[in-house]
Amino acid sequence: MADASGSQRHDAVARQLAGHVPGDAHERAALRDITAQLEALAAPFDEQAAPTHITGSAIVVSDAGTLLHLHRRLGRWLQPGGHVDGDEMPWDCAAREVLEETGIRARHPQGGVRLLHVDVHPAAKGHTHLDLRYLMTATATRPNPPPGESQHVRWVPWDEALSIDEPPLRAALSAARRWCL
């Protein structure tokens, strides 16, 4: 489902959040916050409506490890992701962002969309991102990011990826690694 009415999208995301099992105390707090904000915000998917909004990102896995890019503004290795566009579902946003930021076409795992991890974090312009992180798979082809995106994109082997000093990202990567075993 690429586009949905506001209430359909809200309900679908609320169901995902209700069924998500957090991996640690940080993620448990993020899940509570995102669930509360989903109900409280008039337009939780619209980055223009309020400084706090839902975003979608992807933990992309392959035989080579996981796909990360060096974020242009933050200077940190992160998963691809970004703002939800129009009536887009957050999991479709995650897939679109992977392609736009890395040139890799990712897909949801066999069995369908899988919410892997959630996080709340400060972002540019005083915004707060309520990030829904989806598990995606791809063939480990050479990344080909378009001009204007970070050119530092690569498949990172699991041992290296799990040593990244970003605790919420490391937690999401750990969850993805467990899924891959």
N, C-alpha and C. Protein backbone atom coordinates (compact mmCIF):
# COMPACT_ATOMS: atom_id res chain seq x y z
N MET A 1 0.85 -1.17 0.00
CA MET A 1 0.00 0.00 0.00
C MET A 1 0.90 1.24 0.00
N ALA A 2 0.96 1.99 -1.09
CA ALA A 2 1.83 3.15 -1.20
C ALA A 2 1.19 4.39 -0.60
N ASP A 3 -0.07 4.63 -0.88
CA ASP A 3 -0.75 5.81 -0.36
C ASP A 3 -1.95 5.37 0.46
N ALA A 4 -2.29 6.18 1.44
CA ALA A 4 -3.44 5.84 2.29
C ALA A 4 -4.02 7.12 2.84
N SER A 5 -5.28 7.04 3.22
CA SER A 5 -5.87 8.19 3.88
C SER A 5 -5.18 8.37 5.22
N GLY A 6 -5.32 9.56 5.78
CA GLY A 6 -4.69 9.84 7.06
C GLY A 6 -5.09 8.86 8.15
N SER A 7 -6.37 8.51 8.22
CA SER A 7 -6.81 7.60 9.28
C SER A 7 -6.33 6.18 9.02
N GLN A 8 -6.29 5.74 7.77
CA GLN A 8 -5.76 4.40 7.46
C GLN A 8 -4.28 4.32 7.83
N ARG A 9 -3.52 5.34 7.49
CA ARG A 9 -2.09 5.35 7.80
C ARG A 9 -1.90 5.38 9.31
N HIS A 10 -2.64 6.24 9.99
CA HIS A 10 -2.56 6.32 11.45
C HIS A 10 -2.85 4.96 12.07
N ASP A 11 -3.93 4.32 11.64
CA ASP A 11 -4.33 3.03 12.21
C ASP A 11 -3.30 1.94 11.93
N ALA A 12 -2.76 1.93 10.71
CA ALA A 12 -1.76 0.92 10.36
C ALA A 12 -0.50 1.07 11.21
N VAL A 13 -0.06 2.31 11.40
CA VAL A 13 1.13 2.55 12.22
C VAL A 13 0.83 2.25 13.69
N ALA A 14 -0.34 2.63 14.16
CA ALA A 14 -0.71 2.33 15.55
C ALA A 14 -0.70 0.82 15.80
N ARG A 15 -1.18 0.04 14.83
CA ARG A 15 -1.15 -1.43 14.97
C ARG A 15 0.29 -1.94 15.00
N GLN A 16 1.14 -1.39 14.15
CA GLN A 16 2.55 -1.80 14.17
C GLN A 16 3.17 -1.53 15.53
N LEU A 17 2.95 -0.32 16.02
CA LEU A 17 3.54 0.05 17.31
C LEU A 17 3.00 -0.82 18.44
N ALA A 18 1.71 -1.12 18.42
CA ALA A 18 1.11 -1.95 19.46
C ALA A 18 1.69 -3.36 19.46
N GLY A 19 2.10 -3.85 18.29
CA GLY A 19 2.65 -5.19 18.21
C GLY A 19 4.16 -5.27 18.34
N HIS A 20 4.81 -4.12 18.46
CA HIS A 20 6.28 -4.10 18.50
C HIS A 20 6.79 -4.41 19.91
N VAL A 21 7.78 -5.26 19.99
CA VAL A 21 8.41 -5.60 21.27
C VAL A 21 9.77 -4.92 21.33
N PRO A 22 9.94 -3.92 22.21
CA PRO A 22 11.22 -3.21 22.29
C PRO A 22 12.32 -4.09 22.86
N GLY A 23 13.54 -3.81 22.43
CA GLY A 23 14.68 -4.62 22.84
C GLY A 23 15.35 -4.18 24.12
N ASP A 24 15.11 -2.94 24.56
CA ASP A 24 15.77 -2.46 25.77
C ASP A 24 14.97 -1.27 26.35
N ALA A 25 15.45 -0.75 27.46
CA ALA A 25 14.73 0.33 28.15
C ALA A 25 14.65 1.60 27.29
N HIS A 26 15.72 1.91 26.56
CA HIS A 26 15.73 3.10 25.69
C HIS A 26 14.64 2.98 24.63
N GLU A 27 14.56 1.82 24.01
CA GLU A 27 13.56 1.63 22.97
C GLU A 27 12.15 1.57 23.56
N ARG A 28 12.01 1.03 24.77
CA ARG A 28 10.70 1.00 25.44
C ARG A 28 10.19 2.43 25.65
N ALA A 29 11.09 3.33 26.09
CA ALA A 29 10.72 4.73 26.29
C ALA A 29 10.37 5.39 24.95
N ALA A 30 11.15 5.09 23.91
CA ALA A 30 10.88 5.64 22.58
C ALA A 30 9.52 5.17 22.07
N LEU A 31 9.21 3.91 22.28
CA LEU A 31 7.93 3.36 21.83
C LEU A 31 6.76 4.07 22.53
N ARG A 32 6.88 4.29 23.83
CA ARG A 32 5.84 5.02 24.57
C ARG A 32 5.67 6.43 24.01
N ASP A 33 6.79 7.10 23.77
CA ASP A 33 6.77 8.47 23.27
C ASP A 33 6.15 8.54 21.88
N ILE A 34 6.57 7.66 20.99
CA ILE A 34 6.04 7.66 19.62
C ILE A 34 4.54 7.36 19.63
N THR A 35 4.14 6.40 20.43
CA THR A 35 2.71 6.04 20.51
C THR A 35 1.90 7.23 21.02
N ALA A 36 2.40 7.92 22.02
CA ALA A 36 1.70 9.09 22.56
C ALA A 36 1.65 10.22 21.53
N GLN A 37 2.77 10.46 20.85
CA GLN A 37 2.82 11.53 19.85
C GLN A 37 1.92 11.23 18.65
N LEU A 38 1.83 9.96 18.27
CA LEU A 38 0.95 9.58 17.16
C LEU A 38 -0.48 10.00 17.47
N GLU A 39 -0.89 9.86 18.72
CA GLU A 39 -2.25 10.24 19.13
C GLU A 39 -2.38 11.74 19.34
N ALA A 40 -1.33 12.40 19.82
CA ALA A 40 -1.43 13.81 20.20
C ALA A 40 -1.27 14.78 19.03
N LEU A 41 -0.44 14.44 18.06
CA LEU A 41 -0.16 15.36 16.96
C LEU A 41 -1.30 15.36 15.94
N ALA A 42 -1.64 16.54 15.46
CA ALA A 42 -2.70 16.66 14.45
C ALA A 42 -2.26 16.05 13.12
N ALA A 43 -0.99 16.17 12.78
CA ALA A 43 -0.46 15.64 11.51
C ALA A 43 0.91 15.01 11.79
N PRO A 44 0.94 13.83 12.40
CA PRO A 44 2.21 13.26 12.86
C PRO A 44 3.19 12.87 11.76
N PHE A 45 2.72 12.77 10.50
CA PHE A 45 3.59 12.36 9.41
C PHE A 45 4.11 13.55 8.59
N ASP A 46 3.69 14.74 8.95
CA ASP A 46 4.00 15.94 8.17
C ASP A 46 5.09 16.76 8.86
N GLU A 47 6.27 16.81 8.24
CA GLU A 47 7.38 17.55 8.84
C GLU A 47 7.12 19.06 8.90
N GLN A 48 6.20 19.56 8.09
CA GLN A 48 5.88 20.99 8.08
C GLN A 48 4.86 21.37 9.16
N ALA A 49 4.11 20.40 9.65
CA ALA A 49 3.02 20.68 10.59
C ALA A 49 3.51 20.93 12.00
N ALA A 50 4.58 20.27 12.39
CA ALA A 50 5.10 20.41 13.76
C ALA A 50 6.56 19.98 13.77
N PRO A 51 7.33 20.50 14.71
CA PRO A 51 8.74 20.10 14.76
C PRO A 51 8.94 18.63 15.16
N THR A 52 7.93 18.00 15.72
CA THR A 52 8.00 16.58 16.06
C THR A 52 7.17 15.82 15.05
N HIS A 53 7.78 14.83 14.39
CA HIS A 53 7.07 14.08 13.36
C HIS A 53 7.71 12.71 13.13
N ILE A 54 6.92 11.83 12.54
CA ILE A 54 7.36 10.47 12.25
C ILE A 54 8.22 10.46 11.00
N THR A 55 9.31 9.68 11.07
CA THR A 55 10.19 9.45 9.93
C THR A 55 10.30 7.94 9.71
N GLY A 56 10.80 7.56 8.55
CA GLY A 56 10.99 6.15 8.24
C GLY A 56 12.42 5.90 7.82
N SER A 57 13.03 4.86 8.36
CA SER A 57 14.38 4.49 7.94
C SER A 57 14.47 2.98 7.80
N ALA A 58 15.59 2.53 7.23
CA ALA A 58 15.74 1.12 6.91
C ALA A 58 17.07 0.58 7.41
N ILE A 59 16.98 -0.56 8.03
CA ILE A 59 18.18 -1.35 8.32
C ILE A 59 18.21 -2.39 7.20
N VAL A 60 19.10 -2.16 6.25
CA VAL A 60 19.18 -3.00 5.06
C VAL A 60 20.26 -4.06 5.29
N VAL A 61 19.88 -5.32 5.09
CA VAL A 61 20.82 -6.42 5.32
C VAL A 61 21.04 -7.22 4.04
N SER A 62 22.22 -7.83 3.98
CA SER A 62 22.58 -8.72 2.88
C SER A 62 23.66 -9.66 3.40
N ASP A 63 24.14 -10.50 2.52
CA ASP A 63 25.24 -11.39 2.90
C ASP A 63 26.49 -10.61 3.29
N ALA A 64 26.61 -9.38 2.81
CA ALA A 64 27.79 -8.56 3.08
C ALA A 64 27.71 -7.81 4.41
N GLY A 65 26.57 -7.82 5.06
CA GLY A 65 26.39 -7.08 6.31
C GLY A 65 25.21 -6.15 6.21
N THR A 66 25.45 -4.88 6.54
CA THR A 66 24.37 -3.88 6.52
C THR A 66 24.82 -2.64 5.76
N LEU A 67 23.88 -1.95 5.17
CA LEU A 67 24.15 -0.80 4.32
C LEU A 67 24.08 0.48 5.16
N LEU A 68 25.17 1.22 5.21
CA LEU A 68 25.22 2.47 5.97
C LEU A 68 25.80 3.58 5.09
N HIS A 69 25.46 4.80 5.45
CA HIS A 69 26.04 5.95 4.75
C HIS A 69 26.53 6.96 5.78
N LEU A 70 27.56 7.70 5.39
CA LEU A 70 28.09 8.76 6.25
C LEU A 70 27.20 9.97 6.05
N HIS A 71 26.39 10.27 7.06
CA HIS A 71 25.41 11.37 6.97
C HIS A 71 26.14 12.68 6.68
N ARG A 72 25.65 13.39 5.67
CA ARG A 72 26.33 14.62 5.22
C ARG A 72 26.42 15.68 6.31
N ARG A 73 25.36 15.93 7.04
CA ARG A 73 25.36 16.99 8.05
C ARG A 73 25.90 16.53 9.39
N LEU A 74 25.60 15.30 9.76
CA LEU A 74 25.98 14.82 11.09
C LEU A 74 27.38 14.22 11.14
N GLY A 75 27.90 13.79 9.99
CA GLY A 75 29.23 13.20 9.96
C GLY A 75 29.32 11.87 10.70
N ARG A 76 28.19 11.14 10.77
CA ARG A 76 28.16 9.83 11.45
C ARG A 76 27.62 8.79 10.49
N TRP A 77 28.07 7.55 10.67
CA TRP A 77 27.55 6.44 9.86
C TRP A 77 26.17 6.08 10.38
N LEU A 78 25.17 6.12 9.50
CA LEU A 78 23.79 5.86 9.86
C LEU A 78 23.09 5.03 8.79
N GLN A 79 21.91 4.54 9.15
CA GLN A 79 21.06 3.85 8.19
C GLN A 79 20.39 4.89 7.31
N PRO A 80 20.01 4.53 6.08
CA PRO A 80 19.27 5.46 5.23
C PRO A 80 17.86 5.70 5.79
N GLY A 81 17.37 6.90 5.61
CA GLY A 81 16.03 7.21 6.07
C GLY A 81 15.72 8.68 5.91
N GLY A 82 14.48 9.04 6.21
CA GLY A 82 14.11 10.43 6.08
C GLY A 82 12.64 10.69 6.33
N HIS A 83 12.19 11.82 5.82
CA HIS A 83 10.83 12.28 6.04
C HIS A 83 9.82 11.56 5.16
N VAL A 84 8.65 11.37 5.71
CA VAL A 84 7.53 10.77 4.99
C VAL A 84 6.98 11.83 4.03
N ASP A 85 6.77 11.45 2.78
CA ASP A 85 6.24 12.37 1.76
C ASP A 85 4.75 12.15 1.56
N GLY A 86 3.99 13.23 1.53
CA GLY A 86 2.57 13.17 1.20
C GLY A 86 1.82 12.12 2.00
N ASP A 87 1.11 11.24 1.29
CA ASP A 87 0.32 10.18 1.92
C ASP A 87 1.09 8.86 2.04
N GLU A 88 2.39 8.93 1.88
CA GLU A 88 3.25 7.74 1.91
C GLU A 88 3.20 7.05 3.27
N MET A 89 3.29 5.73 3.25
CA MET A 89 3.41 4.97 4.48
C MET A 89 4.87 5.03 4.94
N PRO A 90 5.14 4.99 6.24
CA PRO A 90 6.52 5.08 6.71
C PRO A 90 7.43 3.98 6.15
N TRP A 91 6.88 2.77 5.96
CA TRP A 91 7.71 1.68 5.43
C TRP A 91 8.02 1.89 3.95
N ASP A 92 7.13 2.56 3.22
CA ASP A 92 7.43 2.93 1.84
C ASP A 92 8.45 4.05 1.80
N CYS A 93 8.36 4.96 2.75
CA CYS A 93 9.35 6.02 2.89
C CYS A 93 10.74 5.41 3.07
N ALA A 94 10.85 4.39 3.93
CA ALA A 94 12.14 3.75 4.19
C ALA A 94 12.73 3.18 2.89
N ALA A 95 11.92 2.50 2.11
CA ALA A 95 12.39 1.92 0.85
C ALA A 95 12.81 3.02 -0.14
N ARG A 96 12.01 4.07 -0.23
CA ARG A 96 12.33 5.19 -1.13
C ARG A 96 13.64 5.84 -0.73
N GLU A 97 13.80 6.07 0.57
CA GLU A 97 15.02 6.73 1.06
C GLU A 97 16.27 5.89 0.79
N VAL A 98 16.16 4.57 0.90
CA VAL A 98 17.31 3.71 0.59
C VAL A 98 17.74 3.95 -0.86
N LEU A 99 16.79 3.91 -1.77
CA LEU A 99 17.10 4.11 -3.19
C LEU A 99 17.65 5.52 -3.43
N GLU A 100 16.99 6.53 -2.87
CA GLU A 100 17.43 7.92 -3.09
C GLU A 100 18.81 8.19 -2.50
N GLU A 101 19.12 7.62 -1.35
CA GLU A 101 20.38 7.94 -0.69
C GLU A 101 21.54 7.04 -1.09
N THR A 102 21.24 5.82 -1.56
CA THR A 102 22.33 4.87 -1.82
C THR A 102 22.36 4.31 -3.23
N GLY A 103 21.26 4.45 -3.97
CA GLY A 103 21.18 3.84 -5.28
C GLY A 103 20.88 2.35 -5.24
N ILE A 104 20.66 1.80 -4.06
CA ILE A 104 20.35 0.37 -3.87
C ILE A 104 18.83 0.21 -3.78
N ARG A 105 18.30 -0.76 -4.51
CA ARG A 105 16.87 -1.07 -4.43
C ARG A 105 16.68 -2.13 -3.36
N ALA A 106 16.08 -1.74 -2.25
CA ALA A 106 15.84 -2.65 -1.13
C ALA A 106 14.38 -3.10 -1.14
N ARG A 107 14.12 -4.20 -0.49
CA ARG A 107 12.75 -4.72 -0.41
C ARG A 107 12.49 -5.20 1.01
N HIS A 108 11.23 -5.28 1.33
CA HIS A 108 10.86 -5.81 2.64
C HIS A 108 11.10 -7.32 2.63
N PRO A 109 11.38 -7.89 3.78
CA PRO A 109 11.68 -9.33 3.81
C PRO A 109 10.47 -10.17 3.41
N GLN A 110 10.76 -11.41 3.05
CA GLN A 110 9.69 -12.34 2.73
C GLN A 110 8.76 -12.40 3.94
N GLY A 111 7.50 -12.33 3.73
CA GLY A 111 6.55 -12.30 4.83
C GLY A 111 5.99 -10.91 5.08
N GLY A 112 6.60 -9.89 4.47
CA GLY A 112 6.04 -8.54 4.56
C GLY A 112 6.83 -7.57 5.41
N VAL A 113 6.24 -6.42 5.59
CA VAL A 113 6.85 -5.31 6.33
C VAL A 113 7.14 -5.74 7.76
N ARG A 114 8.35 -5.40 8.23
CA ARG A 114 8.73 -5.74 9.61
C ARG A 114 9.31 -4.51 10.30
N LEU A 115 8.55 -3.97 11.27
CA LEU A 115 9.06 -2.89 12.10
C LEU A 115 10.11 -3.52 13.01
N LEU A 116 11.34 -3.06 12.89
CA LEU A 116 12.46 -3.67 13.59
C LEU A 116 12.83 -2.95 14.88
N HIS A 117 12.72 -1.61 14.86
CA HIS A 117 13.22 -0.81 15.97
C HIS A 117 12.57 0.57 15.89
N VAL A 118 12.46 1.24 17.02
CA VAL A 118 11.97 2.62 17.05
C VAL A 118 12.94 3.47 17.86
N ASP A 119 13.01 4.75 17.51
CA ASP A 119 13.90 5.66 18.22
C ASP A 119 13.34 7.07 18.13
N VAL A 120 13.58 7.85 19.16
CA VAL A 120 13.26 9.27 19.18
C VAL A 120 14.57 10.01 19.33
N HIS A 121 14.84 10.95 18.43
CA HIS A 121 16.10 11.69 18.51
C HIS A 121 15.96 13.10 17.95
N PRO A 122 16.81 14.01 18.47
CA PRO A 122 16.79 15.37 17.95
C PRO A 122 17.34 15.38 16.52
N ALA A 123 16.82 16.30 15.71
CA ALA A 123 17.25 16.43 14.32
C ALA A 123 17.51 17.91 14.01
N ALA A 124 17.86 18.18 12.78
CA ALA A 124 18.15 19.55 12.35
C ALA A 124 16.94 20.46 12.54
N LYS A 125 17.20 21.74 12.62
CA LYS A 125 16.16 22.79 12.71
C LYS A 125 15.29 22.66 13.96
N GLY A 126 15.83 22.09 15.02
CA GLY A 126 15.06 21.95 16.26
C GLY A 126 13.97 20.90 16.19
N HIS A 127 14.02 20.05 15.20
CA HIS A 127 13.01 19.01 15.05
C HIS A 127 13.32 17.79 15.92
N THR A 128 12.30 17.01 16.17
CA THR A 128 12.44 15.72 16.84
C THR A 128 11.88 14.66 15.91
N HIS A 129 12.70 13.67 15.62
CA HIS A 129 12.27 12.58 14.74
C HIS A 129 11.79 11.39 15.56
N LEU A 130 10.61 10.93 15.23
CA LEU A 130 10.03 9.72 15.79
C LEU A 130 10.29 8.66 14.72
N ASP A 131 11.44 8.01 14.82
CA ASP A 131 11.93 7.18 13.72
C ASP A 131 11.46 5.74 13.83
N LEU A 132 10.77 5.30 12.78
CA LEU A 132 10.33 3.91 12.66
C LEU A 132 11.33 3.23 11.73
N ARG A 133 12.02 2.22 12.25
CA ARG A 133 13.10 1.56 11.52
C ARG A 133 12.65 0.19 11.05
N TYR A 134 12.67 0.01 9.74
CA TYR A 134 12.17 -1.20 9.11
C TYR A 134 13.31 -2.07 8.62
N LEU A 135 13.14 -3.37 8.77
CA LEU A 135 14.08 -4.32 8.23
C LEU A 135 13.85 -4.44 6.73
N MET A 136 14.94 -4.37 5.96
CA MET A 136 14.85 -4.53 4.52
C MET A 136 16.02 -5.39 4.06
N THR A 137 15.86 -6.01 2.91
CA THR A 137 16.92 -6.83 2.35
C THR A 137 17.29 -6.29 0.97
N ALA A 138 18.51 -6.61 0.55
CA ALA A 138 18.97 -6.21 -0.77
C ALA A 138 20.13 -7.11 -1.16
N THR A 139 20.38 -7.17 -2.43
CA THR A 139 21.56 -7.84 -2.92
C THR A 139 22.73 -6.89 -2.73
N ALA A 140 23.85 -7.40 -2.27
CA ALA A 140 25.00 -6.56 -1.96
C ALA A 140 25.70 -6.09 -3.24
N THR A 141 25.00 -5.23 -3.98
CA THR A 141 25.61 -4.63 -5.16
C THR A 141 26.31 -3.34 -4.73
N ARG A 142 27.09 -2.82 -5.62
CA ARG A 142 27.85 -1.61 -5.30
C ARG A 142 26.90 -0.42 -5.17
N PRO A 143 26.96 0.29 -4.04
CA PRO A 143 26.12 1.48 -3.90
C PRO A 143 26.45 2.51 -4.99
N ASN A 144 25.43 3.24 -5.40
CA ASN A 144 25.59 4.25 -6.43
C ASN A 144 24.75 5.47 -6.06
N PRO A 145 25.18 6.19 -5.00
CA PRO A 145 24.38 7.34 -4.56
C PRO A 145 24.38 8.44 -5.61
N PRO A 146 23.24 9.08 -5.82
CA PRO A 146 23.16 10.16 -6.80
C PRO A 146 23.89 11.41 -6.30
N PRO A 147 24.21 12.32 -7.21
CA PRO A 147 24.81 13.59 -6.81
C PRO A 147 23.90 14.29 -5.79
N GLY A 148 24.50 14.96 -4.85
CA GLY A 148 23.75 15.67 -3.82
C GLY A 148 23.55 14.85 -2.57
N GLU A 149 23.75 13.54 -2.67
CA GLU A 149 23.69 12.66 -1.49
C GLU A 149 25.11 12.33 -1.06
N SER A 150 25.25 11.86 0.16
CA SER A 150 26.57 11.43 0.62
C SER A 150 27.12 10.38 -0.32
N GLN A 151 28.35 10.56 -0.75
CA GLN A 151 29.00 9.59 -1.62
C GLN A 151 29.68 8.48 -0.81
N HIS A 152 29.62 8.61 0.49
CA HIS A 152 30.22 7.62 1.40
C HIS A 152 29.14 6.64 1.84
N VAL A 153 28.93 5.62 1.02
CA VAL A 153 27.93 4.59 1.28
C VAL A 153 28.64 3.25 1.10
N ARG A 154 28.40 2.33 2.04
CA ARG A 154 29.04 1.03 1.88
C ARG A 154 28.33 -0.05 2.67
N TRP A 155 28.60 -1.27 2.25
CA TRP A 155 28.16 -2.44 3.00
C TRP A 155 29.16 -2.64 4.12
N VAL A 156 28.67 -2.62 5.34
CA VAL A 156 29.54 -2.73 6.51
C VAL A 156 29.39 -4.12 7.11
N PRO A 157 30.51 -4.86 7.25
CA PRO A 157 30.42 -6.19 7.86
C PRO A 157 29.85 -6.09 9.28
N TRP A 158 29.15 -7.14 9.70
CA TRP A 158 28.44 -7.11 10.99
C TRP A 158 29.33 -6.75 12.17
N ASP A 159 30.51 -7.34 12.27
CA ASP A 159 31.37 -7.05 13.42
C ASP A 159 31.70 -5.57 13.51
N GLU A 160 31.99 -4.97 12.38
CA GLU A 160 32.29 -3.54 12.34
C GLU A 160 31.04 -2.71 12.64
N ALA A 161 29.93 -3.07 12.04
CA ALA A 161 28.69 -2.31 12.23
C ALA A 161 28.26 -2.33 13.70
N LEU A 162 28.39 -3.47 14.34
CA LEU A 162 27.96 -3.60 15.74
C LEU A 162 28.90 -2.91 16.71
N SER A 163 30.02 -2.39 16.22
CA SER A 163 30.93 -1.65 17.09
C SER A 163 30.74 -0.14 16.98
N ILE A 164 29.81 0.30 16.15
CA ILE A 164 29.54 1.74 15.98
C ILE A 164 29.03 2.32 17.30
N ASP A 165 29.57 3.48 17.66
CA ASP A 165 29.23 4.11 18.93
C ASP A 165 28.00 4.99 18.81
N GLU A 166 26.90 4.40 18.41
CA GLU A 166 25.57 5.03 18.33
C GLU A 166 24.62 4.03 18.98
N PRO A 167 24.41 4.09 20.29
CA PRO A 167 23.62 3.02 20.95
C PRO A 167 22.28 2.69 20.30
N PRO A 168 21.42 3.65 19.92
CA PRO A 168 20.15 3.24 19.29
C PRO A 168 20.37 2.54 17.94
N LEU A 169 21.33 3.00 17.15
CA LEU A 169 21.62 2.33 15.88
C LEU A 169 22.17 0.94 16.16
N ARG A 170 23.06 0.83 17.11
CA ARG A 170 23.64 -0.48 17.45
C ARG A 170 22.53 -1.44 17.89
N ALA A 171 21.56 -0.96 18.64
CA ALA A 171 20.44 -1.80 19.07
C ALA A 171 19.62 -2.27 17.87
N ALA A 172 19.38 -1.37 16.91
CA ALA A 172 18.63 -1.75 15.71
C ALA A 172 19.43 -2.76 14.88
N LEU A 173 20.74 -2.55 14.77
CA LEU A 173 21.59 -3.47 14.03
C LEU A 173 21.63 -4.84 14.71
N SER A 174 21.67 -4.83 16.02
CA SER A 174 21.66 -6.11 16.77
C SER A 174 20.36 -6.88 16.50
N ALA A 175 19.26 -6.17 16.47
CA ALA A 175 17.96 -6.81 16.18
C ALA A 175 17.97 -7.37 14.76
N ALA A 176 18.53 -6.62 13.82
CA ALA A 176 18.61 -7.10 12.44
C ALA A 176 19.52 -8.31 12.33
N ARG A 177 20.61 -8.28 13.03
CA ARG A 177 21.56 -9.41 13.00
C ARG A 177 20.91 -10.67 13.54
N ARG A 178 20.15 -10.54 14.62
CA ARG A 178 19.44 -11.70 15.18
C ARG A 178 18.45 -12.26 14.16
N TRP A 179 17.79 -11.38 13.42
CA TRP A 179 16.84 -11.82 12.41
C TRP A 179 17.55 -12.59 11.30
N CYS A 180 18.80 -12.19 10.98
CA CYS A 180 19.55 -12.81 9.89
C CYS A 180 20.13 -14.17 10.26
N LEU A 181 20.25 -14.48 11.53
CA LEU A 181 20.87 -15.76 11.94
C LEU A 181 19.99 -16.94 11.66
